[in-house]
All heavy atoms as atom14 arrays in JSON, in Angstrom:
{
  "sequence": "GVDYARLMGWLVFHARPVRVRRASGAEYWTTPMTGSPGFPDLVFARK",
  "atom14_mask": [
    [1, 1, 1, 1, 0, 0, 0, 0, 0, 0, 0, 0, 0, 0],
    [1, 1, 1, 1, 1, 1, 1, 0, 0, 0, 0, 0, 0, 0],
    [1, 1, 1, 1, 1, 1, 1, 1, 0, 0, 0, 0, 0, 0],
    [1, 1, 1, 1, 1, 1, 1, 1, 1, 1, 1, 1, 0, 0],
    [1, 1, 1, 1, 1, 0, 0, 0, 0, 0, 0, 0, 0, 0],
    [1, 1, 1, 1, 1, 1, 1, 1, 1, 1, 1, 0, 0, 0],
    [1, 1, 1, 1, 1, 1, 1, 1, 0, 0, 0, 0, 0, 0],
    [1, 1, 1, 1, 1, 1, 1, 1, 0, 0, 0, 0, 0, 0],
    [1, 1, 1, 1, 0, 0, 0, 0, 0, 0, 0, 0, 0, 0],
    [1, 1, 1, 1, 1, 1, 1, 1, 1, 1, 1, 1, 1, 1],
    [1, 1, 1, 1, 1, 1, 1, 1, 0, 0, 0, 0, 0, 0],
    [1, 1, 1, 1, 1, 1, 1, 0, 0, 0, 0, 0, 0, 0],
    [1, 1, 1, 1, 1, 1, 1, 1, 1, 1, 1, 0, 0, 0],
    [1, 1, 1, 1, 1, 1, 1, 1, 1, 1, 0, 0, 0, 0],
    [1, 1, 1, 1, 1, 0, 0, 0, 0, 0, 0, 0, 0, 0],
    [1, 1, 1, 1, 1, 1, 1, 1, 1, 1, 1, 0, 0, 0],
    [1, 1, 1, 1, 1, 1, 1, 0, 0, 0, 0, 0, 0, 0],
    [1, 1, 1, 1, 1, 1, 1, 0, 0, 0, 0, 0, 0, 0],
    [1, 1, 1, 1, 1, 1, 1, 1, 1, 1, 1, 0, 0, 0],
    [1, 1, 1, 1, 1, 1, 1, 0, 0, 0, 0, 0, 0, 0],
    [1, 1, 1, 1, 1, 1, 1, 1, 1, 1, 1, 0, 0, 0],
    [1, 1, 1, 1, 1, 1, 1, 1, 1, 1, 1, 0, 0, 0],
    [1, 1, 1, 1, 1, 0, 0, 0, 0, 0, 0, 0, 0, 0],
    [1, 1, 1, 1, 1, 1, 0, 0, 0, 0, 0, 0, 0, 0],
    [1, 1, 1, 1, 0, 0, 0, 0, 0, 0, 0, 0, 0, 0],
    [1, 1, 1, 1, 1, 0, 0, 0, 0, 0, 0, 0, 0, 0],
    [1, 1, 1, 1, 1, 1, 1, 1, 1, 0, 0, 0, 0, 0],
    [1, 1, 1, 1, 1, 1, 1, 1, 1, 1, 1, 1, 0, 0],
    [1, 1, 1, 1, 1, 1, 1, 1, 1, 1, 1, 1, 1, 1],
    [1, 1, 1, 1, 1, 1, 1, 0, 0, 0, 0, 0, 0, 0],
    [1, 1, 1, 1, 1, 1, 1, 0, 0, 0, 0, 0, 0, 0],
    [1, 1, 1, 1, 1, 1, 1, 0, 0, 0, 0, 0, 0, 0],
    [1, 1, 1, 1, 1, 1, 1, 1, 0, 0, 0, 0, 0, 0],
    [1, 1, 1, 1, 1, 1, 1, 0, 0, 0, 0, 0, 0, 0],
    [1, 1, 1, 1, 0, 0, 0, 0, 0, 0, 0, 0, 0, 0],
    [1, 1, 1, 1, 1, 1, 0, 0, 0, 0, 0, 0, 0, 0],
    [1, 1, 1, 1, 1, 1, 1, 0, 0, 0, 0, 0, 0, 0],
    [1, 1, 1, 1, 0, 0, 0, 0, 0, 0, 0, 0, 0, 0],
    [1, 1, 1, 1, 1, 1, 1, 1, 1, 1, 1, 0, 0, 0],
    [1, 1, 1, 1, 1, 1, 1, 0, 0, 0, 0, 0, 0, 0],
    [1, 1, 1, 1, 1, 1, 1, 1, 0, 0, 0, 0, 0, 0],
    [1, 1, 1, 1, 1, 1, 1, 1, 0, 0, 0, 0, 0, 0],
    [1, 1, 1, 1, 1, 1, 1, 0, 0, 0, 0, 0, 0, 0],
    [1, 1, 1, 1, 1, 1, 1, 1, 1, 1, 1, 0, 0, 0],
    [1, 1, 1, 1, 1, 0, 0, 0, 0, 0, 0, 0, 0, 0],
    [1, 1, 1, 1, 1, 1, 1, 1, 1, 1, 1, 0, 0, 0],
    [1, 1, 1, 1, 1, 1, 1, 1, 1, 0, 0, 0, 0, 0]
  ],
  "atom14_positions": [
    [[126.51, -45.89, -147.81], [127.32, -46.61, -146.87], [126.43, -47.37, -145.87], [126.63, -48.55, -145.52], [0.0, 0.0, 0.0], [0.0, 0.0, 0.0], [0.0, 0.0, 0.0], [0.0, 0.0, 0.0], [0.0, 0.0, 0.0], [0.0, 0.0, 0.0], [0.0, 0.0, 0.0], [0.0, 0.0, 0.0], [0.0, 0.0, 0.0], [0.0, 0.0, 0.0]],
    [[125.39, -46.66, -145.33], [124.53, -47.27, -144.29], [123.73, -48.4, -144.93], [123.6, -49.52, -144.34], [123.59, -46.25, -143.7], [122.5, -46.84, -142.91], [124.36, -45.22, -142.87], [0.0, 0.0, 0.0], [0.0, 0.0, 0.0], [0.0, 0.0, 0.0], [0.0, 0.0, 0.0], [0.0, 0.0, 0.0], [0.0, 0.0, 0.0], [0.0, 0.0, 0.0]],
    [[123.25, -48.22, -146.15], [122.54, -49.3, -146.82], [123.45, -50.51, -147.07], [123.01, -51.67, -146.9], [121.93, -48.81, -148.17], [120.89, -47.8, -147.99], [120.23, -47.78, -146.95], [120.67, -47.02, -148.94], [0.0, 0.0, 0.0], [0.0, 0.0, 0.0], [0.0, 0.0, 0.0], [0.0, 0.0, 0.0], [0.0, 0.0, 0.0], [0.0, 0.0, 0.0]],
    [[124.65, -50.25, -147.45], [125.64, -51.34, -147.72], [125.93, -52.09, -146.37], [125.95, -53.3, -146.35], [126.91, -50.79, -148.27], [127.92, -51.88, -148.68], [127.62, -52.76, -149.76], [129.01, -52.09, -147.9], [128.54, -53.78, -150.08], [129.95, -53.07, -148.28], [129.69, -53.88, -149.35], [130.56, -54.91, -149.64], [0.0, 0.0, 0.0], [0.0, 0.0, 0.0]],
    [[126.09, -51.31, -145.32], [126.35, -51.98, -144.03], [125.23, -52.87, -143.65], [125.48, -54.05, -143.18], [126.56, -50.83, -142.97], [0.0, 0.0, 0.0], [0.0, 0.0, 0.0], [0.0, 0.0, 0.0], [0.0, 0.0, 0.0], [0.0, 0.0, 0.0], [0.0, 0.0, 0.0], [0.0, 0.0, 0.0], [0.0, 0.0, 0.0], [0.0, 0.0, 0.0]],
    [[123.99, -52.44, -143.8], [122.8, -53.32, -143.47], [122.83, -54.59, -144.36], [122.56, -55.63, -143.89], [121.55, -52.49, -143.66], [121.36, -51.45, -142.55], [119.97, -50.8, -142.73], [119.87, -49.84, -141.7], [119.43, -48.56, -141.9], [119.13, -48.13, -143.16], [119.28, -47.72, -140.93], [0.0, 0.0, 0.0], [0.0, 0.0, 0.0], [0.0, 0.0, 0.0]],
    [[123.15, -54.39, -145.62], [123.25, -55.53, -146.49], [124.28, -56.54, -146.06], [124.07, -57.73, -146.23], [123.51, -55.0, -147.94], [123.62, -56.07, -149.1], [122.2, -56.67, -149.32], [124.09, -55.4, -150.32], [0.0, 0.0, 0.0], [0.0, 0.0, 0.0], [0.0, 0.0, 0.0], [0.0, 0.0, 0.0], [0.0, 0.0, 0.0], [0.0, 0.0, 0.0]],
    [[125.34, -56.03, -145.5], [126.39, -56.9, -144.98], [126.12, -57.41, -143.6], [126.97, -58.06, -143.01], [127.73, -56.13, -145.01], [128.27, -55.77, -146.37], [128.74, -57.18, -147.34], [127.36, -57.48, -148.42], [0.0, 0.0, 0.0], [0.0, 0.0, 0.0], [0.0, 0.0, 0.0], [0.0, 0.0, 0.0], [0.0, 0.0, 0.0], [0.0, 0.0, 0.0]],
    [[124.93, -57.2, -143.12], [124.55, -57.72, -141.75], [124.85, -56.9, -140.54], [124.66, -57.41, -139.42], [0.0, 0.0, 0.0], [0.0, 0.0, 0.0], [0.0, 0.0, 0.0], [0.0, 0.0, 0.0], [0.0, 0.0, 0.0], [0.0, 0.0, 0.0], [0.0, 0.0, 0.0], [0.0, 0.0, 0.0], [0.0, 0.0, 0.0], [0.0, 0.0, 0.0]],
    [[125.27, -55.63, -140.75], [125.49, -54.79, -139.59], [124.17, -54.16, -139.11], [123.34, -53.78, -139.89], [126.42, -53.64, -139.96], [127.86, -54.04, -140.31], [128.31, -54.35, -141.54], [128.86, -54.24, -139.35], [129.65, -54.73, -141.42], [130.04, -54.66, -140.13], [129.0, -54.06, -138.0], [131.24, -54.91, -139.5], [130.28, -54.31, -137.44], [131.31, -54.77, -138.13]],
    [[124.02, -53.98, -137.8], [123.02, -53.13, -137.23], [123.65, -51.75, -137.25], [124.83, -51.57, -136.98], [122.66, -53.55, -135.84], [121.97, -54.89, -135.68], [121.72, -55.22, -134.22], [120.58, -54.93, -136.39], [0.0, 0.0, 0.0], [0.0, 0.0, 0.0], [0.0, 0.0, 0.0], [0.0, 0.0, 0.0], [0.0, 0.0, 0.0], [0.0, 0.0, 0.0]],
    [[122.88, -50.77, -137.58], [123.4, -49.37, -137.73], [122.58, -48.37, -136.95], [121.35, -48.4, -137.01], [123.45, -48.91, -139.21], [124.13, -47.53, -139.34], [124.24, -49.94, -140.03], [0.0, 0.0, 0.0], [0.0, 0.0, 0.0], [0.0, 0.0, 0.0], [0.0, 0.0, 0.0], [0.0, 0.0, 0.0], [0.0, 0.0, 0.0], [0.0, 0.0, 0.0]],
    [[123.21, -47.51, -136.24], [122.54, -46.43, -135.53], [123.11, -45.08, -136.07], [124.26, -44.93, -136.19], [122.71, -46.45, -134.07], [122.2, -45.19, -133.4], [120.87, -45.07, -133.06], [123.01, -44.17, -133.04], [120.39, -43.94, -132.48], [122.57, -43.0, -132.45], [121.19, -42.87, -132.18], [0.0, 0.0, 0.0], [0.0, 0.0, 0.0], [0.0, 0.0, 0.0]],
    [[122.18, -44.2, -136.51], [122.6, -42.87, -137.01], [121.59, -41.84, -136.5], [120.42, -41.9, -136.93], [122.67, -42.89, -138.54], [123.13, -41.56, -139.1], [122.82, -41.21, -140.38], [123.86, -40.57, -138.59], [123.33, -40.07, -140.68], [123.95, -39.6, -139.53], [0.0, 0.0, 0.0], [0.0, 0.0, 0.0], [0.0, 0.0, 0.0], [0.0, 0.0, 0.0]],
    [[122.02, -40.96, -135.63], [121.17, -39.89, -135.2], [121.15, -38.76, -136.24], [122.24, -38.27, -136.55], [121.66, -39.34, -133.86], [0.0, 0.0, 0.0], [0.0, 0.0, 0.0], [0.0, 0.0, 0.0], [0.0, 0.0, 0.0], [0.0, 0.0, 0.0], [0.0, 0.0, 0.0], [0.0, 0.0, 0.0], [0.0, 0.0, 0.0], [0.0, 0.0, 0.0]],
    [[120.07, -38.52, -136.8], [120.02, -37.49, -137.87], [119.53, -36.14, -137.38], [118.62, -36.12, -136.58], [119.08, -38.03, -139.0], [119.6, -39.3, -139.67], [118.66, -39.78, -140.7], [118.62, -38.74, -141.72], [118.94, -38.94, -143.03], [119.34, -40.05, -143.38], [118.88, -37.97, -143.86], [0.0, 0.0, 0.0], [0.0, 0.0, 0.0], [0.0, 0.0, 0.0]],
    [[120.1, -35.06, -137.86], [119.64, -33.76, -137.42], [118.27, -33.42, -137.96], [117.83, -33.99, -138.97], [120.72, -32.87, -137.98], [121.36, -33.61, -139.12], [121.21, -34.96, -138.81], [0.0, 0.0, 0.0], [0.0, 0.0, 0.0], [0.0, 0.0, 0.0], [0.0, 0.0, 0.0], [0.0, 0.0, 0.0], [0.0, 0.0, 0.0], [0.0, 0.0, 0.0]],
    [[117.61, -32.53, -137.29], [116.3, -32.06, -137.72], [116.31, -30.5, -137.81], [117.07, -29.88, -137.16], [115.17, -32.53, -136.75], [115.04, -34.04, -136.72], [115.39, -31.95, -135.35], [0.0, 0.0, 0.0], [0.0, 0.0, 0.0], [0.0, 0.0, 0.0], [0.0, 0.0, 0.0], [0.0, 0.0, 0.0], [0.0, 0.0, 0.0], [0.0, 0.0, 0.0]],
    [[115.44, -30.01, -138.7], [115.34, -28.56, -138.82], [114.19, -28.12, -137.88], [113.11, -28.6, -137.87], [114.97, -28.19, -140.25], [115.1, -26.7, -140.42], [114.93, -26.19, -141.85], [114.65, -27.25, -142.86], [114.87, -27.07, -144.09], [115.37, -25.91, -144.59], [114.58, -28.03, -144.96], [0.0, 0.0, 0.0], [0.0, 0.0, 0.0], [0.0, 0.0, 0.0]],
    [[114.55, -27.08, -137.08], [113.64, -26.57, -136.05], [113.3, -25.12, -136.46], [114.21, -24.35, -136.84], [114.23, -26.65, -134.67], [113.3, -26.03, -133.63], [114.56, -28.09, -134.34], [0.0, 0.0, 0.0], [0.0, 0.0, 0.0], [0.0, 0.0, 0.0], [0.0, 0.0, 0.0], [0.0, 0.0, 0.0], [0.0, 0.0, 0.0], [0.0, 0.0, 0.0]],
    [[112.06, -24.77, -136.32], [111.68, -23.33, -136.6], [111.2, -22.68, -135.25], [110.39, -23.15, -134.55], [110.49, -23.36, -137.58], [110.1, -21.83, -137.84], [108.99, -21.84, -138.93], [109.52, -22.42, -140.14], [108.87, -22.86, -141.17], [107.54, -22.76, -141.17], [109.4, -23.36, -142.24], [0.0, 0.0, 0.0], [0.0, 0.0, 0.0], [0.0, 0.0, 0.0]],
    [[111.88, -21.62, -134.99], [111.57, -20.79, -133.83], [110.3, -20.01, -134.07], [109.85, -19.85, -135.27], [112.71, -19.86, -133.53], [113.98, -20.54, -133.11], [114.92, -19.61, -132.45], [116.02, -20.39, -131.83], [117.31, -20.11, -131.92], [117.63, -19.01, -132.57], [118.14, -20.88, -131.38], [0.0, 0.0, 0.0], [0.0, 0.0, 0.0], [0.0, 0.0, 0.0]],
    [[109.73, -19.51, -132.98], [108.45, -18.68, -133.13], [108.73, -17.5, -134.05], [107.84, -17.0, -134.73], [108.05, -18.2, -131.73], [0.0, 0.0, 0.0], [0.0, 0.0, 0.0], [0.0, 0.0, 0.0], [0.0, 0.0, 0.0], [0.0, 0.0, 0.0], [0.0, 0.0, 0.0], [0.0, 0.0, 0.0], [0.0, 0.0, 0.0], [0.0, 0.0, 0.0]],
    [[109.97, -17.02, -134.05], [110.3, -15.86, -134.94], [110.3, -16.21, -136.35], [110.42, -15.3, -137.25], [111.67, -15.3, -134.51], [112.69, -16.21, -134.78], [0.0, 0.0, 0.0], [0.0, 0.0, 0.0], [0.0, 0.0, 0.0], [0.0, 0.0, 0.0], [0.0, 0.0, 0.0], [0.0, 0.0, 0.0], [0.0, 0.0, 0.0], [0.0, 0.0, 0.0]],
    [[110.28, -17.55, -136.72], [110.33, -17.97, -138.07], [111.71, -18.41, -138.47], [111.9, -19.05, -139.5], [0.0, 0.0, 0.0], [0.0, 0.0, 0.0], [0.0, 0.0, 0.0], [0.0, 0.0, 0.0], [0.0, 0.0, 0.0], [0.0, 0.0, 0.0], [0.0, 0.0, 0.0], [0.0, 0.0, 0.0], [0.0, 0.0, 0.0], [0.0, 0.0, 0.0]],
    [[112.77, -18.06, -137.69], [114.09, -18.47, -137.95], [114.22, -20.05, -137.82], [113.62, -20.62, -136.97], [115.05, -17.77, -136.99], [0.0, 0.0, 0.0], [0.0, 0.0, 0.0], [0.0, 0.0, 0.0], [0.0, 0.0, 0.0], [0.0, 0.0, 0.0], [0.0, 0.0, 0.0], [0.0, 0.0, 0.0], [0.0, 0.0, 0.0], [0.0, 0.0, 0.0]],
    [[114.97, -20.6, -138.72], [115.17, -22.04, -138.73], [116.63, -22.36, -138.41], [117.58, -21.65, -138.74], [114.77, -22.65, -140.05], [113.32, -22.58, -140.37], [112.92, -23.27, -141.59], [113.83, -23.63, -142.43], [111.72, -23.44, -141.88], [0.0, 0.0, 0.0], [0.0, 0.0, 0.0], [0.0, 0.0, 0.0], [0.0, 0.0, 0.0], [0.0, 0.0, 0.0]],
    [[116.86, -23.5, -137.78], [118.27, -24.04, -137.54], [118.18, -25.51, -137.45], [117.13, -26.08, -137.31], [118.77, -23.39, -136.22], [118.06, -23.74, -135.0], [118.52, -24.8, -134.2], [116.9, -23.18, -134.59], [117.84, -25.15, -133.03], [116.19, -23.49, -133.43], [116.69, -24.49, -132.66], [116.02, -24.93, -131.52], [0.0, 0.0, 0.0], [0.0, 0.0, 0.0]],
    [[119.38, -26.09, -137.63], [119.52, -27.58, -137.56], [120.0, -27.93, -136.16], [120.82, -27.3, -135.6], [120.47, -28.09, -138.61], [119.88, -28.0, -139.94], [120.05, -27.01, -140.84], [119.11, -29.01, -140.62], [119.4, -27.28, -142.01], [118.84, -28.49, -141.85], [118.65, -30.26, -140.22], [118.05, -29.24, -142.77], [117.87, -30.94, -141.16], [117.56, -30.44, -142.45]],
    [[119.49, -29.04, -135.61], [119.95, -29.56, -134.33], [119.71, -31.1, -134.3], [118.94, -31.62, -135.07], [119.19, -28.92, -133.16], [119.85, -29.29, -131.9], [117.73, -29.24, -133.17], [0.0, 0.0, 0.0], [0.0, 0.0, 0.0], [0.0, 0.0, 0.0], [0.0, 0.0, 0.0], [0.0, 0.0, 0.0], [0.0, 0.0, 0.0], [0.0, 0.0, 0.0]],
    [[120.49, -31.75, -133.49], [120.33, -33.17, -133.25], [119.87, -33.33, -131.8], [120.72, -33.19, -130.86], [121.58, -33.9, -133.51], [122.03, -33.63, -134.8], [121.36, -35.43, -133.36], [0.0, 0.0, 0.0], [0.0, 0.0, 0.0], [0.0, 0.0, 0.0], [0.0, 0.0, 0.0], [0.0, 0.0, 0.0], [0.0, 0.0, 0.0], [0.0, 0.0, 0.0]],
    [[118.6, -33.58, -131.54], [118.16, -33.74, -130.17], [118.87, -34.89, -129.47], [118.99, -35.99, -130.07], [116.66, -34.01, -130.27], [116.32, -33.57, -131.63], [117.54, -33.73, -132.51], [0.0, 0.0, 0.0], [0.0, 0.0, 0.0], [0.0, 0.0, 0.0], [0.0, 0.0, 0.0], [0.0, 0.0, 0.0], [0.0, 0.0, 0.0], [0.0, 0.0, 0.0]],
    [[119.33, -34.7, -128.3], [120.08, -35.76, -127.58], [120.13, -35.48, -126.13], [119.91, -34.35, -125.69], [121.47, -36.0, -128.19], [122.36, -34.74, -128.22], [123.26, -34.23, -126.72], [124.39, -35.55, -126.53], [0.0, 0.0, 0.0], [0.0, 0.0, 0.0], [0.0, 0.0, 0.0], [0.0, 0.0, 0.0], [0.0, 0.0, 0.0], [0.0, 0.0, 0.0]],
    [[120.42, -36.5, -125.4], [120.72, -36.39, -123.93], [122.01, -36.99, -123.7], [122.35, -38.07, -124.3], [119.63, -37.12, -123.11], [118.32, -36.54, -123.37], [119.92, -37.04, -121.65], [0.0, 0.0, 0.0], [0.0, 0.0, 0.0], [0.0, 0.0, 0.0], [0.0, 0.0, 0.0], [0.0, 0.0, 0.0], [0.0, 0.0, 0.0], [0.0, 0.0, 0.0]],
    [[122.94, -36.36, -122.97], [124.22, -36.98, -122.75], [125.28, -35.99, -123.11], [125.05, -34.85, -123.38], [0.0, 0.0, 0.0], [0.0, 0.0, 0.0], [0.0, 0.0, 0.0], [0.0, 0.0, 0.0], [0.0, 0.0, 0.0], [0.0, 0.0, 0.0], [0.0, 0.0, 0.0], [0.0, 0.0, 0.0], [0.0, 0.0, 0.0], [0.0, 0.0, 0.0]],
    [[126.52, -36.49, -123.25], [127.66, -35.71, -123.61], [127.68, -35.38, -125.09], [127.53, -36.3, -125.9], [128.95, -36.4, -123.2], [128.91, -36.73, -121.87], [0.0, 0.0, 0.0], [0.0, 0.0, 0.0], [0.0, 0.0, 0.0], [0.0, 0.0, 0.0], [0.0, 0.0, 0.0], [0.0, 0.0, 0.0], [0.0, 0.0, 0.0], [0.0, 0.0, 0.0]],
    [[127.92, -34.1, -125.45], [127.96, -33.79, -126.86], [129.16, -34.37, -127.54], [130.09, -34.77, -126.89], [128.04, -32.25, -126.89], [128.54, -31.89, -125.53], [128.1, -32.94, -124.55], [0.0, 0.0, 0.0], [0.0, 0.0, 0.0], [0.0, 0.0, 0.0], [0.0, 0.0, 0.0], [0.0, 0.0, 0.0], [0.0, 0.0, 0.0], [0.0, 0.0, 0.0]],
    [[129.12, -34.48, -128.91], [130.25, -35.01, -129.64], [130.17, -36.48, -129.96], [131.13, -37.03, -130.54], [0.0, 0.0, 0.0], [0.0, 0.0, 0.0], [0.0, 0.0, 0.0], [0.0, 0.0, 0.0], [0.0, 0.0, 0.0], [0.0, 0.0, 0.0], [0.0, 0.0, 0.0], [0.0, 0.0, 0.0], [0.0, 0.0, 0.0], [0.0, 0.0, 0.0]],
    [[129.08, -37.15, -129.53], [128.98, -38.59, -129.83], [129.1, -38.88, -131.29], [128.6, -38.14, -132.09], [127.64, -39.18, -129.31], [127.55, -40.63, -129.31], [128.15, -41.37, -128.34], [126.87, -41.29, -130.34], [127.99, -42.82, -128.34], [126.73, -42.69, -130.32], [127.34, -43.49, -129.37], [0.0, 0.0, 0.0], [0.0, 0.0, 0.0], [0.0, 0.0, 0.0]],
    [[129.8, -39.97, -131.67], [130.04, -40.26, -133.11], [128.74, -40.38, -133.88], [127.68, -40.74, -133.39], [130.78, -41.6, -133.05], [131.45, -41.57, -131.74], [130.52, -40.89, -130.82], [0.0, 0.0, 0.0], [0.0, 0.0, 0.0], [0.0, 0.0, 0.0], [0.0, 0.0, 0.0], [0.0, 0.0, 0.0], [0.0, 0.0, 0.0], [0.0, 0.0, 0.0]],
    [[128.73, -40.09, -135.2], [127.66, -40.08, -136.11], [126.98, -41.41, -136.22], [125.78, -41.53, -136.42], [128.0, -39.5, -137.43], [128.42, -38.05, -137.36], [127.79, -37.26, -136.7], [129.42, -37.71, -138.03], [0.0, 0.0, 0.0], [0.0, 0.0, 0.0], [0.0, 0.0, 0.0], [0.0, 0.0, 0.0], [0.0, 0.0, 0.0], [0.0, 0.0, 0.0]],
    [[127.81, -42.44, -136.39], [127.28, -43.77, -136.68], [127.83, -44.8, -135.72], [128.97, -44.68, -135.24], [127.77, -44.2, -138.06], [127.18, -43.44, -139.27], [128.03, -43.69, -140.52], [125.68, -43.79, -139.51], [0.0, 0.0, 0.0], [0.0, 0.0, 0.0], [0.0, 0.0, 0.0], [0.0, 0.0, 0.0], [0.0, 0.0, 0.0], [0.0, 0.0, 0.0]],
    [[126.98, -45.8, -135.41], [127.42, -46.94, -134.63], [127.09, -48.2, -135.39], [125.92, -48.36, -135.92], [126.68, -46.98, -133.19], [127.16, -48.16, -132.39], [126.91, -45.66, -132.45], [0.0, 0.0, 0.0], [0.0, 0.0, 0.0], [0.0, 0.0, 0.0], [0.0, 0.0, 0.0], [0.0, 0.0, 0.0], [0.0, 0.0, 0.0], [0.0, 0.0, 0.0]],
    [[128.02, -49.1, -135.52], [127.87, -50.33, -136.22], [128.03, -51.56, -135.26], [128.94, -51.51, -134.42], [128.87, -50.51, -137.36], [128.81, -49.44, -138.39], [129.49, -48.26, -138.24], [128.0, -49.69, -139.52], [129.4, -47.27, -139.25], [127.93, -48.68, -140.5], [128.65, -47.49, -140.34], [0.0, 0.0, 0.0], [0.0, 0.0, 0.0], [0.0, 0.0, 0.0]],
    [[127.2, -52.57, -135.34], [127.33, -53.77, -134.53], [127.02, -55.0, -135.4], [126.02, -55.03, -136.13], [126.44, -53.75, -133.33], [0.0, 0.0, 0.0], [0.0, 0.0, 0.0], [0.0, 0.0, 0.0], [0.0, 0.0, 0.0], [0.0, 0.0, 0.0], [0.0, 0.0, 0.0], [0.0, 0.0, 0.0], [0.0, 0.0, 0.0], [0.0, 0.0, 0.0]],
    [[127.88, -56.0, -135.24], [127.7, -57.31, -135.93], [128.56, -58.39, -135.27], [129.75, -58.14, -135.09], [128.07, -57.15, -137.4], [127.93, -58.44, -138.25], [128.24, -58.24, -139.7], [129.7, -58.21, -139.81], [130.34, -58.15, -140.98], [129.64, -57.96, -142.16], [131.61, -58.1, -141.04], [0.0, 0.0, 0.0], [0.0, 0.0, 0.0], [0.0, 0.0, 0.0]],
    [[127.95, -59.46, -134.92], [128.66, -60.63, -134.37], [129.64, -60.31, -133.29], [130.76, -60.72, -133.32], [129.38, -61.34, -135.55], [128.45, -61.86, -136.6], [129.18, -62.57, -137.68], [128.17, -63.0, -138.74], [128.87, -63.61, -139.9], [0.0, 0.0, 0.0], [0.0, 0.0, 0.0], [0.0, 0.0, 0.0], [0.0, 0.0, 0.0], [0.0, 0.0, 0.0]]
  ]
}
């Protein structure tokens, strides 16, 4: 969908999660951000 949106001329923003490893070796997924949690996954802008 993101590739198609770009093909159709949309600018696209998508914050992707990253896997983080703690010193203990445990891993978890997080999306680093500043601001209010719950922001939508994708933002599209065109014209």
